[in-house]
Amino acid sequence: MAEKLVEVFTSGCPICERTVKQVKDLTQYSAEHEVVVYDLNKKCDTNECEDKAKEYGVQSVPAVAIDGKLADCCSNNGVNFDTLEAEILGK
């Protein structure tokens, strides 16, 4: 399986935390995946969080980007966990 950069955009809400847990659970058995979590409420030391959210077209949180592209699981204002699993694990 190829290495993937999985970026999770959150606001610290319970649904966001569930999404972060789901992503970490899906990637925990593969050292090939890197997971980065951006809490947009806390901001970043730089503008990286906001810049990436704009670049990827994040309209709501939680949202997940895989390898620099907003994941299909997040294209309809919410996270579809079955689609997320397929995208991360390549199913």
PDB file of N, CA and C in Angstrom:
ATOM      1  N   MET A   1       0.845  -1.174   0.000  1.00  0.00           N
ATOM      2  CA  MET A   1       0.000   0.000   0.000  1.00  0.00           C
ATOM      3  C   MET A   1       0.891   1.237   0.000  1.00  0.00           C
ATOM      4  N   ALA A   2       0.578   2.207  -0.813  1.00  0.00           N
ATOM      5  CA  ALA A   2       1.379   3.422  -0.905  1.00  0.00           C
ATOM      6  C   ALA A   2       1.129   4.326   0.293  1.00  0.00           C
ATOM      7  N   GLU A   3       2.154   5.084   0.650  1.00  0.00           N
ATOM      8  CA  GLU A   3       2.041   6.038   1.751  1.00  0.00           C
ATOM      9  C   GLU A   3       1.035   7.109   1.402  1.00  0.00           C
ATOM     10  N   LYS A   4       0.235   7.510   2.398  1.00  0.00           N
ATOM     11  CA  LYS A   4      -0.750   8.569   2.207  1.00  0.00           C
ATOM     12  C   LYS A   4      -0.601   9.603   3.312  1.00  0.00           C
ATOM     13  N   LEU A   5      -0.774  10.865   2.930  1.00  0.00           N
ATOM     14  CA  LEU A   5      -0.856  11.944   3.896  1.00  0.00           C
ATOM     15  C   LEU A   5      -2.335  12.198   4.130  1.00  0.00           C
ATOM     16  N   VAL A   6      -2.786  11.970   5.369  1.00  0.00           N
ATOM     17  CA  VAL A   6      -4.187  12.147   5.723  1.00  0.00           C
ATOM     18  C   VAL A   6      -4.281  13.354   6.655  1.00  0.00           C
ATOM     19  N   GLU A   7      -4.967  14.397   6.194  1.00  0.00           N
ATOM     20  CA  GLU A   7      -5.109  15.623   6.980  1.00  0.00           C
ATOM     21  C   GLU A   7      -6.563  15.752   7.417  1.00  0.00           C
ATOM     22  N   VAL A   8      -6.759  15.973   8.721  1.00  0.00           N
ATOM     23  CA  VAL A   8      -8.098  16.085   9.282  1.00  0.00           C
ATOM     24  C   VAL A   8      -8.289  17.516   9.770  1.00  0.00           C
ATOM     25  N   PHE A   9      -9.354  18.145   9.306  1.00  0.00           N
ATOM     26  CA  PHE A   9      -9.699  19.511   9.709  1.00  0.00           C
ATOM     27  C   PHE A   9     -10.845  19.425  10.705  1.00  0.00           C
ATOM     28  N   THR A  10     -10.640  20.017  11.885  1.00  0.00           N
ATOM     29  CA  THR A  10     -11.631  19.915  12.957  1.00  0.00           C
ATOM     30  C   THR A  10     -11.887  21.289  13.573  1.00  0.00           C
ATOM     31  N   SER A  11     -12.865  21.299  14.474  1.00  0.00           N
ATOM     32  CA  SER A  11     -13.088  22.482  15.301  1.00  0.00           C
ATOM     33  C   SER A  11     -13.166  22.087  16.768  1.00  0.00           C
ATOM     34  N   GLY A  12     -12.767  20.841  17.065  1.00  0.00           N
ATOM     35  CA  GLY A  12     -12.774  20.369  18.444  1.00  0.00           C
ATOM     36  C   GLY A  12     -14.116  19.842  18.910  1.00  0.00           C
ATOM     37  N   CYS A  13     -15.097  19.739  18.025  1.00  0.00           N
ATOM     38  CA  CYS A  13     -16.436  19.275  18.405  1.00  0.00           C
ATOM     39  C   CYS A  13     -16.446  17.745  18.563  1.00  0.00           C
ATOM     40  N   PRO A  14     -17.463  17.189  19.220  1.00  0.00           N
ATOM     41  CA  PRO A  14     -17.530  15.733  19.402  1.00  0.00           C
ATOM     42  C   PRO A  14     -17.533  14.962  18.076  1.00  0.00           C
ATOM     43  N   ILE A  15     -18.211  15.446  17.068  1.00  0.00           N
ATOM     44  CA  ILE A  15     -18.211  14.760  15.776  1.00  0.00           C
ATOM     45  C   ILE A  15     -16.827  14.820  15.156  1.00  0.00           C
ATOM     46  N   CYS A  16     -16.146  15.946  15.326  1.00  0.00           N
ATOM     47  CA  CYS A  16     -14.773  16.067  14.823  1.00  0.00           C
ATOM     48  C   CYS A  16     -13.858  15.067  15.520  1.00  0.00           C
ATOM     49  N   GLU A  17     -14.001  14.950  16.823  1.00  0.00           N
ATOM     50  CA  GLU A  17     -13.163  14.027  17.582  1.00  0.00           C
ATOM     51  C   GLU A  17     -13.423  12.587  17.150  1.00  0.00           C
ATOM     52  N   ARG A  18     -14.673  12.264  16.835  1.00  0.00           N
ATOM     53  CA  ARG A  18     -14.993  10.924  16.333  1.00  0.00           C
ATOM     54  C   ARG A  18     -14.281  10.679  15.005  1.00  0.00           C
ATOM     55  N   THR A  19     -14.239  11.693  14.169  1.00  0.00           N
ATOM     56  CA  THR A  19     -13.573  11.562  12.870  1.00  0.00           C
ATOM     57  C   THR A  19     -12.071  11.370  13.050  1.00  0.00           C
ATOM     58  N   VAL A  20     -11.463  12.138  13.946  1.00  0.00           N
ATOM     59  CA  VAL A  20     -10.026  11.986  14.223  1.00  0.00           C
ATOM     60  C   VAL A  20      -9.746  10.565  14.715  1.00  0.00           C
ATOM     61  N   LYS A  21     -10.581  10.072  15.629  1.00  0.00           N
ATOM     62  CA  LYS A  21     -10.396   8.705  16.144  1.00  0.00           C
ATOM     63  C   LYS A  21     -10.533   7.692  15.017  1.00  0.00           C
ATOM     64  N   GLN A  22     -11.517   7.865  14.166  1.00  0.00           N
ATOM     65  CA  GLN A  22     -11.729   6.928  13.055  1.00  0.00           C
ATOM     66  C   GLN A  22     -10.508   6.905  12.136  1.00  0.00           C
ATOM     67  N   VAL A  23      -9.991   8.081  11.793  1.00  0.00           N
ATOM     68  CA  VAL A  23      -8.817   8.154  10.920  1.00  0.00           C
ATOM     69  C   VAL A  23      -7.621   7.476  11.588  1.00  0.00           C
ATOM     70  N   LYS A  24      -7.408   7.759  12.853  1.00  0.00           N
ATOM     71  CA  LYS A  24      -6.282   7.141  13.565  1.00  0.00           C
ATOM     72  C   LYS A  24      -6.447   5.632  13.670  1.00  0.00           C
ATOM     73  N   ASP A  25      -7.684   5.166  13.888  1.00  0.00           N
ATOM     74  CA  ASP A  25      -7.931   3.726  13.940  1.00  0.00           C
ATOM     75  C   ASP A  25      -7.633   3.072  12.591  1.00  0.00           C
ATOM     76  N   LEU A  26      -8.028   3.735  11.510  1.00  0.00           N
ATOM     77  CA  LEU A  26      -7.824   3.182  10.174  1.00  0.00           C
ATOM     78  C   LEU A  26      -6.349   3.160   9.766  1.00  0.00           C
ATOM     79  N   THR A  27      -5.573   4.077  10.313  1.00  0.00           N
ATOM     80  CA  THR A  27      -4.171   4.190   9.896  1.00  0.00           C
ATOM     81  C   THR A  27      -3.188   3.612  10.906  1.00  0.00           C
ATOM     82  N   GLN A  28      -3.657   3.175  12.048  1.00  0.00           N
ATOM     83  CA  GLN A  28      -2.752   2.747  13.124  1.00  0.00           C
ATOM     84  C   GLN A  28      -1.880   1.545  12.773  1.00  0.00           C
ATOM     85  N   TYR A  29      -2.331   0.707  11.868  1.00  0.00           N
ATOM     86  CA  TYR A  29      -1.573  -0.500  11.550  1.00  0.00           C
ATOM     87  C   TYR A  29      -0.646  -0.317  10.359  1.00  0.00           C
ATOM     88  N   SER A  30      -0.584   0.904   9.851  1.00  0.00           N
ATOM     89  CA  SER A  30       0.279   1.155   8.707  1.00  0.00           C
ATOM     90  C   SER A  30       1.217   2.309   9.021  1.00  0.00           C
ATOM     91  N   ALA A  31       2.492   2.007   9.106  1.00  0.00           N
ATOM     92  CA  ALA A  31       3.481   3.052   9.346  1.00  0.00           C
ATOM     93  C   ALA A  31       3.650   3.917   8.104  1.00  0.00           C
ATOM     94  N   GLU A  32       3.004   3.515   7.019  1.00  0.00           N
ATOM     95  CA  GLU A  32       3.142   4.231   5.756  1.00  0.00           C
ATOM     96  C   GLU A  32       2.269   5.476   5.680  1.00  0.00           C
ATOM     97  N   HIS A  33       1.310   5.623   6.589  1.00  0.00           N
ATOM     98  CA  HIS A  33       0.409   6.769   6.536  1.00  0.00           C
ATOM     99  C   HIS A  33       0.810   7.815   7.582  1.00  0.00           C
ATOM    100  N   GLU A  34       0.745   9.062   7.177  1.00  0.00           N
ATOM    101  CA  GLU A  34       0.982  10.166   8.110  1.00  0.00           C
ATOM    102  C   GLU A  34      -0.341  10.874   8.336  1.00  0.00           C
ATOM    103  N   VAL A  35      -0.701  11.096   9.601  1.00  0.00           N
ATOM    104  CA  VAL A  35      -1.942  11.780   9.951  1.00  0.00           C
ATOM    105  C   VAL A  35      -1.599  13.118  10.595  1.00  0.00           C
ATOM    106  N   VAL A  36      -2.204  14.184  10.057  1.00  0.00           N
ATOM    107  CA  VAL A  36      -2.031  15.523  10.611  1.00  0.00           C
ATOM    108  C   VAL A  36      -3.417  16.063  10.940  1.00  0.00           C
ATOM    109  N   VAL A  37      -3.594  16.569  12.159  1.00  0.00           N
ATOM    110  CA  VAL A  37      -4.879  17.114  12.582  1.00  0.00           C
ATOM    111  C   VAL A  37      -4.742  18.623  12.735  1.00  0.00           C
ATOM    112  N   TYR A  38      -5.634  19.349  12.075  1.00  0.00           N
ATOM    113  CA  TYR A  38      -5.674  20.805  12.174  1.00  0.00           C
ATOM    114  C   TYR A  38      -6.956  21.210  12.890  1.00  0.00           C
ATOM    115  N   ASP A  39      -6.837  21.810  14.075  1.00  0.00           N
ATOM    116  CA  ASP A  39      -7.998  22.344  14.786  1.00  0.00           C
ATOM    117  C   ASP A  39      -8.127  23.806  14.384  1.00  0.00           C
ATOM    118  N   LEU A  40      -9.106  24.092  13.556  1.00  0.00           N
ATOM    119  CA  LEU A  40      -9.252  25.442  13.015  1.00  0.00           C
ATOM    120  C   LEU A  40      -9.672  26.465  14.066  1.00  0.00           C
ATOM    121  N   ASN A  41     -10.205  26.009  15.208  1.00  0.00           N
ATOM    122  CA  ASN A  41     -10.512  26.932  16.304  1.00  0.00           C
ATOM    123  C   ASN A  41      -9.252  27.407  17.012  1.00  0.00           C
ATOM    124  N   LYS A  42      -8.261  26.525  17.100  1.00  0.00           N
ATOM    125  CA  LYS A  42      -7.021  26.862  17.805  1.00  0.00           C
ATOM    126  C   LYS A  42      -6.018  27.563  16.898  1.00  0.00           C
ATOM    127  N   LYS A  43      -6.260  27.499  15.599  1.00  0.00           N
ATOM    128  CA  LYS A  43      -5.354  28.100  14.613  1.00  0.00           C
ATOM    129  C   LYS A  43      -3.991  27.393  14.643  1.00  0.00           C
ATOM    130  N   CYS A  44      -3.135  27.799  13.752  1.00  0.00           N
ATOM    131  CA  CYS A  44      -1.776  27.272  13.673  1.00  0.00           C
ATOM    132  C   CYS A  44      -0.809  28.418  13.969  1.00  0.00           C
ATOM    133  N   ASP A  45       0.422  28.077  14.235  1.00  0.00           N
ATOM    134  CA  ASP A  45       1.429  29.120  14.434  1.00  0.00           C
ATOM    135  C   ASP A  45       1.610  29.926  13.149  1.00  0.00           C
ATOM    136  N   THR A  46       1.430  29.252  12.048  1.00  0.00           N
ATOM    137  CA  THR A  46       1.450  29.922  10.741  1.00  0.00           C
ATOM    138  C   THR A  46       0.021  29.889  10.217  1.00  0.00           C
ATOM    139  N   ASN A  47      -0.199  30.300   9.009  1.00  0.00           N
ATOM    140  CA  ASN A  47      -1.539  30.231   8.418  1.00  0.00           C
ATOM    141  C   ASN A  47      -1.770  28.921   7.678  1.00  0.00           C
ATOM    142  N   GLU A  48      -0.931  27.925   7.936  1.00  0.00           N
ATOM    143  CA  GLU A  48      -1.012  26.667   7.208  1.00  0.00           C
ATOM    144  C   GLU A  48      -2.400  26.038   7.274  1.00  0.00           C
ATOM    145  N   CYS A  49      -3.017  26.025   8.460  1.00  0.00           N
ATOM    146  CA  CYS A  49      -4.352  25.423   8.610  1.00  0.00           C
ATOM    147  C   CYS A  49      -5.358  26.072   7.669  1.00  0.00           C
ATOM    148  N   GLU A  50      -5.457  27.380   7.763  1.00  0.00           N
ATOM    149  CA  GLU A  50      -6.432  28.109   6.963  1.00  0.00           C
ATOM    150  C   GLU A  50      -6.111  28.033   5.475  1.00  0.00           C
ATOM    151  N   ASP A  51      -4.829  28.128   5.145  1.00  0.00           N
ATOM    152  CA  ASP A  51      -4.420  28.065   3.736  1.00  0.00           C
ATOM    153  C   ASP A  51      -4.783  26.721   3.116  1.00  0.00           C
ATOM    154  N   LYS A  52      -4.503  25.651   3.839  1.00  0.00           N
ATOM    155  CA  LYS A  52      -4.818  24.323   3.313  1.00  0.00           C
ATOM    156  C   LYS A  52      -6.323  24.117   3.216  1.00  0.00           C
ATOM    157  N   ALA A  53      -7.061  24.569   4.217  1.00  0.00           N
ATOM    158  CA  ALA A  53      -8.516  24.429   4.177  1.00  0.00           C
ATOM    159  C   ALA A  53      -9.084  25.139   2.945  1.00  0.00           C
ATOM    160  N   LYS A  54      -8.598  26.319   2.658  1.00  0.00           N
ATOM    161  CA  LYS A  54      -9.046  27.049   1.462  1.00  0.00           C
ATOM    162  C   LYS A  54      -8.631  26.326   0.193  1.00  0.00           C
ATOM    163  N   GLU A  55      -7.376  25.897   0.142  1.00  0.00           N
ATOM    164  CA  GLU A  55      -6.848  25.218  -1.041  1.00  0.00           C
ATOM    165  C   GLU A  55      -7.642  23.956  -1.365  1.00  0.00           C
ATOM    166  N   TYR A  56      -8.019  23.201  -0.334  1.00  0.00           N
ATOM    167  CA  TYR A  56      -8.731  21.944  -0.537  1.00  0.00           C
ATOM    168  C   TYR A  56     -10.238  22.134  -0.709  1.00  0.00           C
ATOM    169  N   GLY A  57     -10.736  23.333  -0.442  1.00  0.00           N
ATOM    170  CA  GLY A  57     -12.171  23.585  -0.582  1.00  0.00           C
ATOM    171  C   GLY A  57     -12.997  23.111   0.595  1.00  0.00           C
ATOM    172  N   VAL A  58     -12.405  23.108   1.791  1.00  0.00           N
ATOM    173  CA  VAL A  58     -13.142  22.694   2.987  1.00  0.00           C
ATOM    174  C   VAL A  58     -14.245  23.712   3.262  1.00  0.00           C
ATOM    175  N   GLN A  59     -15.484  23.234   3.304  1.00  0.00           N
ATOM    176  CA  GLN A  59     -16.639  24.099   3.551  1.00  0.00           C
ATOM    177  C   GLN A  59     -17.239  23.894   4.930  1.00  0.00           C
ATOM    178  N   SER A  60     -16.962  22.737   5.529  1.00  0.00           N
ATOM    179  CA  SER A  60     -17.469  22.430   6.858  1.00  0.00           C
ATOM    180  C   SER A  60     -16.508  21.451   7.520  1.00  0.00           C
ATOM    181  N   VAL A  61     -16.602  21.365   8.836  1.00  0.00           N
ATOM    182  CA  VAL A  61     -15.767  20.424   9.568  1.00  0.00           C
ATOM    183  C   VAL A  61     -16.669  19.450  10.312  1.00  0.00           C
ATOM    184  N   PRO A  62     -16.218  18.245  10.520  1.00  0.00           N
ATOM    185  CA  PRO A  62     -14.906  17.740  10.165  1.00  0.00           C
ATOM    186  C   PRO A  62     -14.788  17.500   8.665  1.00  0.00           C
ATOM    187  N   ALA A  63     -13.545  17.551   8.203  1.00  0.00           N
ATOM    188  CA  ALA A  63     -13.242  17.250   6.806  1.00  0.00           C
ATOM    189  C   ALA A  63     -11.898  16.542   6.755  1.00  0.00           C
ATOM    190  N   VAL A  64     -11.738  15.696   5.750  1.00  0.00           N
ATOM    191  CA  VAL A  64     -10.513  14.920   5.605  1.00  0.00           C
ATOM    192  C   VAL A  64      -9.969  15.119   4.199  1.00  0.00           C
ATOM    193  N   ALA A  65      -8.680  15.383   4.114  1.00  0.00           N
ATOM    194  CA  ALA A  65      -7.998  15.460   2.827  1.00  0.00           C
ATOM    195  C   ALA A  65      -6.980  14.321   2.779  1.00  0.00           C
ATOM    196  N   ILE A  66      -6.880  13.699   1.621  1.00  0.00           N
ATOM    197  CA  ILE A  66      -5.915  12.619   1.434  1.00  0.00           C
ATOM    198  C   ILE A  66      -5.010  12.995   0.272  1.00  0.00           C
ATOM    199  N   ASP A  67      -3.726  13.072   0.569  1.00  0.00           N
ATOM    200  CA  ASP A  67      -2.724  13.435  -0.429  1.00  0.00           C
ATOM    201  C   ASP A  67      -3.068  14.745  -1.145  1.00  0.00           C
ATOM    202  N   GLY A  68      -3.468  15.736  -0.357  1.00  0.00           N
ATOM    203  CA  GLY A  68      -3.675  17.077  -0.891  1.00  0.00           C
ATOM    204  C   GLY A  68      -4.986  17.305  -1.608  1.00  0.00           C
ATOM    205  N   LYS A  69      -5.957  16.409  -1.432  1.00  0.00           N
ATOM    206  CA  LYS A  69      -7.253  16.548  -2.094  1.00  0.00           C
ATOM    207  C   LYS A  69      -8.352  16.225  -1.082  1.00  0.00           C
ATOM    208  N   LEU A  70      -9.391  17.061  -1.048  1.00  0.00           N
ATOM    209  CA  LEU A  70     -10.513  16.795  -0.164  1.00  0.00           C
ATOM    210  C   LEU A  70     -11.090  15.425  -0.513  1.00  0.00           C
ATOM    211  N   ALA A  71     -11.196  14.571   0.482  1.00  0.00           N
ATOM    212  CA  ALA A  71     -11.651  13.201   0.251  1.00  0.00           C
ATOM    213  C   ALA A  71     -13.115  13.175  -0.157  1.00  0.00           C
ATOM    214  N   ASP A  72     -13.453  12.213  -1.005  1.00  0.00           N
ATOM    215  CA  ASP A  72     -14.836  12.057  -1.463  1.00  0.00           C
ATOM    216  C   ASP A  72     -15.795  11.862  -0.301  1.00  0.00           C
ATOM    217  N   CYS A  73     -15.303  11.285   0.797  1.00  0.00           N
ATOM    218  CA  CYS A  73     -16.150  11.039   1.967  1.00  0.00           C
ATOM    219  C   CYS A  73     -16.674  12.337   2.577  1.00  0.00           C
ATOM    220  N   CYS A  74     -16.057  13.458   2.225  1.00  0.00           N
ATOM    221  CA  CYS A  74     -16.383  14.732   2.859  1.00  0.00           C
ATOM    222  C   CYS A  74     -16.972  15.745   1.882  1.00  0.00           C
ATOM    223  N   SER A  75     -17.397  15.290   0.733  1.00  0.00           N
ATOM    224  CA  SER A  75     -17.854  16.225  -0.289  1.00  0.00           C
ATOM    225  C   SER A  75     -19.303  16.651  -0.134  1.00  0.00           C
ATOM    226  N   ASN A  76     -20.028  16.046   0.799  1.00  0.00           N
ATOM    227  CA  ASN A  76     -21.444  16.383   0.973  1.00  0.00           C
ATOM    228  C   ASN A  76     -21.756  16.892   2.365  1.00  0.00           C
ATOM    229  N   ASN A  77     -20.905  17.759   2.912  1.00  0.00           N
ATOM    230  CA  ASN A  77     -21.121  18.347   4.238  1.00  0.00           C
ATOM    231  C   ASN A  77     -21.311  17.304   5.325  1.00  0.00           C
ATOM    232  N   GLY A  78     -20.282  16.612   5.603  1.00  0.00           N
ATOM    233  CA  GLY A  78     -20.280  15.581   6.623  1.00  0.00           C
ATOM    234  C   GLY A  78     -19.327  14.487   6.191  1.00  0.00           C
ATOM    235  N   VAL A  79     -19.060  13.572   7.083  1.00  0.00           N
ATOM    236  CA  VAL A  79     -18.125  12.497   6.774  1.00  0.00           C
ATOM    237  C   VAL A  79     -18.891  11.189   6.631  1.00  0.00           C
ATOM    238  N   ASN A  80     -18.719  10.550   5.496  1.00  0.00           N
ATOM    239  CA  ASN A  80     -19.260   9.216   5.291  1.00  0.00           C
ATOM    240  C   ASN A  80     -18.134   8.252   5.662  1.00  0.00           C
ATOM    241  N   PHE A  81     -18.284   7.555   6.786  1.00  0.00           N
ATOM    242  CA  PHE A  81     -17.190   6.738   7.316  1.00  0.00           C
ATOM    243  C   PHE A  81     -16.883   5.520   6.453  1.00  0.00           C
ATOM    244  N   ASP A  82     -17.871   4.976   5.781  1.00  0.00           N
ATOM    245  CA  ASP A  82     -17.605   3.843   4.888  1.00  0.00           C
ATOM    246  C   ASP A  82     -16.728   4.286   3.720  1.00  0.00           C
ATOM    247  N   THR A  83     -17.044   5.449   3.159  1.00  0.00           N
ATOM    248  CA  THR A  83     -16.246   5.984   2.056  1.00  0.00           C
ATOM    249  C   THR A  83     -14.851   6.352   2.543  1.00  0.00           C
ATOM    250  N   LEU A  84     -14.757   6.924   3.734  1.00  0.00           N
ATOM    251  CA  LEU A  84     -13.465   7.281   4.316  1.00  0.00           C
ATOM    252  C   LEU A  84     -12.582   6.043   4.459  1.00  0.00           C
ATOM    253  N   GLU A  85     -13.149   4.977   4.994  1.00  0.00           N
ATOM    254  CA  GLU A  85     -12.391   3.750   5.161  1.00  0.00           C
ATOM    255  C   GLU A  85     -11.871   3.233   3.806  1.00  0.00           C
ATOM    256  N   ALA A  86     -12.729   3.254   2.809  1.00  0.00           N
ATOM    257  CA  ALA A  86     -12.325   2.778   1.477  1.00  0.00           C
ATOM    258  C   ALA A  86     -11.215   3.640   0.907  1.00  0.00           C
ATOM    259  N   GLU A  87     -11.298   4.938   1.114  1.00  0.00           N
ATOM    260  CA  GLU A  87     -10.283   5.839   0.557  1.00  0.00           C
ATOM    261  C   GLU A  87      -8.937   5.675   1.258  1.00  0.00           C
ATOM    262  N   ILE A  88      -8.946   5.485   2.556  1.00  0.00           N
ATOM    263  CA  ILE A  88      -7.683   5.350   3.285  1.00  0.00           C
ATOM    264  C   ILE A  88      -7.059   3.981   3.046  1.00  0.00           C
ATOM    265  N   LEU A  89      -7.878   2.950   3.075  1.00  0.00           N
ATOM    266  CA  LEU A  89      -7.361   1.594   2.959  1.00  0.00           C
ATOM    267  C   LEU A  89      -7.291   1.099   1.529  1.00  0.00           C
ATOM    268  N   GLY A  90      -7.808   1.885   0.599  1.00  0.00           N
ATOM    269  CA  GLY A  90      -7.724   1.511  -0.809  1.00  0.00           C
ATOM    270  C   GLY A  90      -8.653   0.369  -1.177  1.00  0.00           C
ATOM    271  N   LYS A  91      -9.779   0.298  -0.518  1.00  0.00           N
ATOM    272  CA  LYS A  91     -10.744  -0.790  -0.799  1.00  0.00           C
ATOM    273  C   LYS A  91     -11.657  -0.411  -1.937  1.00  0.00           C
TER     274      LYS A  91
END
